[in-house]
Amino acid sequence: MHGSEGKDDGHSTPQADPRSKLFPRVMGSLAIVGVMVGLMIGRLTAPDPSELQQVDVTNDGLVVWFNNEPKSHGEFVDGSLALLFEAEGKAQKGQLKLNDKSVNWRVRLSDGGLLLSVVAARPLQGEWAGSEVDDRWRLEIHLREQ
């Protein structure tokens, strides 16, 4: 009679697996810990979201203050100014005088962030420039009639 020892490996009993069963668990745990540490570092190094702090009226335009520099896009459309900021803030509106004529401005929430629109009875032109002042971002908008 033949026994169950594997003299020539010609029987149906499988061989014992020499690898440890804990190796996949250890590798999975290390991967999870690595992802969690990476997420925490990313969260700590991410910049604060831009936030609109205030809008000031000047003689020839507006000064818009943010806590840090937002991404922005602006253009003149049919004589009115439209500036879109990737920022958070609250809706505001107001009026300024340009050559003794009223110019209306309004900040409202949109899908892309905050939309600043400046409208007057006559077509407007102008330019805007931003700079960092006292750890805040200041965007100066200078307007003139066309």
Protein backbone atom coordinates (compact mmCIF):
# COMPACT_ATOMS: atom_id res chain seq x y z
CA MET A 1 0.00 0.00 0.00
CA HIS A 2 1.02 3.46 -0.71
CA GLY A 3 1.05 6.15 1.94
CA SER A 4 0.30 9.83 1.56
CA GLU A 5 3.91 10.96 1.53
CA GLY A 6 4.98 12.70 -1.62
CA LYS A 7 7.87 10.63 -2.85
CA ASP A 8 7.58 11.60 -6.47
CA ASP A 9 4.78 14.19 -6.35
CA GLY A 10 2.50 11.94 -8.31
CA HIS A 11 -0.52 12.21 -6.06
CA SER A 12 -3.40 14.65 -5.72
CA THR A 13 -2.49 16.24 -2.39
CA PRO A 14 -1.50 19.94 -3.01
CA GLN A 15 1.82 21.18 -1.76
CA ALA A 16 1.94 23.59 1.18
CA ASP A 17 2.21 27.27 0.22
CA PRO A 18 5.52 28.60 1.57
CA ARG A 19 4.35 32.28 1.48
CA SER A 20 2.91 33.86 4.57
CA LYS A 21 -0.82 34.70 4.53
CA LEU A 22 -0.11 38.04 6.27
CA PHE A 23 1.92 39.55 3.40
CA PRO A 24 -1.10 40.80 1.36
CA ARG A 25 -2.66 42.30 4.50
CA VAL A 26 0.55 44.15 5.41
CA MET A 27 0.92 45.52 1.88
CA GLY A 28 -2.73 46.62 1.82
CA SER A 29 -2.37 48.34 5.19
CA LEU A 30 0.75 50.17 4.03
CA ALA A 31 -1.05 51.36 0.88
CA ILE A 32 -4.00 52.69 2.91
CA VAL A 33 -1.71 54.48 5.37
CA GLY A 34 0.25 56.01 2.48
CA VAL A 35 -2.90 57.34 0.82
CA MET A 36 -4.17 58.81 4.10
CA VAL A 37 -0.84 60.55 4.83
CA GLY A 38 -0.78 61.92 1.27
CA LEU A 39 -4.30 63.32 1.65
CA MET A 40 -3.40 64.98 4.96
CA ILE A 41 -0.28 66.61 3.49
CA GLY A 42 -2.24 67.79 0.46
CA ARG A 43 -4.90 69.31 2.68
CA LEU A 44 -2.30 71.14 4.77
CA THR A 45 -0.44 72.57 1.78
CA ALA A 46 -3.52 73.60 -0.22
CA PRO A 47 -3.99 77.38 -0.43
CA ASP A 48 -6.93 79.03 1.29
CA PRO A 49 -9.85 79.69 -1.04
CA SER A 50 -10.04 83.27 -2.28
CA GLU A 51 -12.69 85.36 -0.59
CA LEU A 52 -14.05 88.78 -1.50
CA GLN A 53 -13.58 91.06 1.51
CA GLN A 54 -14.79 94.47 0.36
CA VAL A 55 -15.47 96.73 -2.60
CA ASP A 56 -14.46 100.40 -2.39
CA VAL A 57 -15.58 103.17 -4.73
CA THR A 58 -12.93 105.59 -6.04
CA ASN A 59 -13.07 108.70 -8.26
CA ASP A 60 -12.62 106.78 -11.50
CA GLY A 61 -13.58 103.20 -10.64
CA LEU A 62 -13.51 100.51 -8.00
CA VAL A 63 -11.03 98.82 -5.69
CA VAL A 64 -11.86 95.19 -4.93
CA TRP A 65 -10.14 93.48 -1.97
CA PHE A 66 -9.56 89.71 -1.60
CA ASN A 67 -7.75 87.68 1.08
CA ASN A 68 -5.43 86.25 -1.63
CA GLU A 69 -5.08 86.42 -5.40
CA PRO A 70 -8.04 84.80 -7.19
CA LYS A 71 -7.99 83.47 -10.72
CA SER A 72 -9.88 85.96 -12.80
CA HIS A 73 -11.08 86.66 -16.32
CA GLY A 74 -12.47 89.97 -17.51
CA GLU A 75 -13.59 91.71 -20.66
CA PHE A 76 -15.64 94.58 -21.95
CA VAL A 77 -18.87 93.38 -23.54
CA ASP A 78 -21.01 95.93 -25.39
CA GLY A 79 -19.60 98.79 -23.33
CA SER A 80 -19.99 97.13 -19.94
CA LEU A 81 -17.29 95.46 -17.85
CA ALA A 82 -17.63 91.85 -16.72
CA LEU A 83 -15.04 90.32 -14.38
CA LEU A 84 -15.31 86.70 -13.22
CA PHE A 85 -13.36 85.69 -10.10
CA GLU A 86 -12.81 82.16 -8.79
CA ALA A 87 -13.66 83.28 -5.28
CA GLU A 88 -16.27 83.16 -2.57
CA GLY A 89 -18.18 86.07 -1.16
CA LYS A 90 -21.56 87.68 -0.82
CA ALA A 91 -23.62 89.54 -3.39
CA GLN A 92 -23.28 93.33 -3.32
CA LYS A 93 -24.25 96.29 -5.45
CA GLY A 94 -23.64 100.00 -5.56
CA GLN A 95 -23.17 103.08 -7.64
CA LEU A 96 -20.33 105.43 -8.46
CA LYS A 97 -20.00 108.73 -10.32
CA LEU A 98 -17.87 108.97 -13.45
CA ASN A 99 -17.81 112.48 -15.00
CA ASP A 100 -20.92 113.34 -12.95
CA LYS A 101 -22.81 110.41 -14.49
CA SER A 102 -24.01 107.33 -12.64
CA VAL A 103 -22.31 103.98 -13.11
CA ASN A 104 -23.86 100.90 -11.48
CA TRP A 105 -21.84 97.93 -10.27
CA ARG A 106 -22.98 94.59 -8.94
CA VAL A 107 -21.29 91.48 -7.54
CA ARG A 108 -23.32 88.30 -7.79
CA LEU A 109 -22.74 84.60 -7.38
CA SER A 110 -22.43 82.54 -10.56
CA ASP A 111 -21.44 79.02 -11.54
CA GLY A 112 -17.77 79.98 -11.95
CA GLY A 113 -17.49 82.06 -8.77
CA LEU A 114 -18.21 85.76 -8.35
CA LEU A 115 -19.22 87.94 -11.27
CA LEU A 116 -18.58 91.69 -11.03
CA SER A 117 -20.46 93.69 -13.65
CA VAL A 118 -20.15 97.44 -14.21
CA VAL A 119 -22.78 99.13 -16.39
CA ALA A 120 -23.37 102.75 -17.44
CA ALA A 121 -25.65 104.59 -19.86
CA ARG A 122 -22.66 105.26 -22.13
CA PRO A 123 -20.18 102.56 -23.19
CA LEU A 124 -17.25 102.12 -20.81
CA GLN A 125 -13.58 101.39 -21.33
CA GLY A 126 -10.76 101.03 -18.89
CA GLU A 127 -8.21 98.74 -17.37
CA TRP A 128 -7.63 96.80 -14.18
CA ALA A 129 -4.51 95.71 -12.34
CA GLY A 130 -3.95 93.69 -9.19
CA SER A 131 -1.23 93.83 -6.56
CA GLU A 132 -0.52 92.45 -3.11
CA VAL A 133 -0.93 94.97 -0.27
CA ASP A 134 -0.65 94.07 3.44
CA ASP A 135 -1.12 90.32 2.85
CA ARG A 136 -4.28 90.98 0.83
CA TRP A 137 -4.96 91.21 -2.89
CA ARG A 138 -6.13 94.55 -4.27
CA LEU A 139 -7.63 94.83 -7.73
CA GLU A 140 -7.89 98.41 -8.98
CA ILE A 141 -10.37 99.06 -11.78
CA HIS A 142 -10.03 102.39 -13.63
CA LEU A 143 -12.93 103.32 -15.90
CA ARG A 144 -13.54 105.97 -18.55
CA GLU A 145 -16.29 106.71 -21.04
CA GLN A 146 -15.76 105.60 -24.62
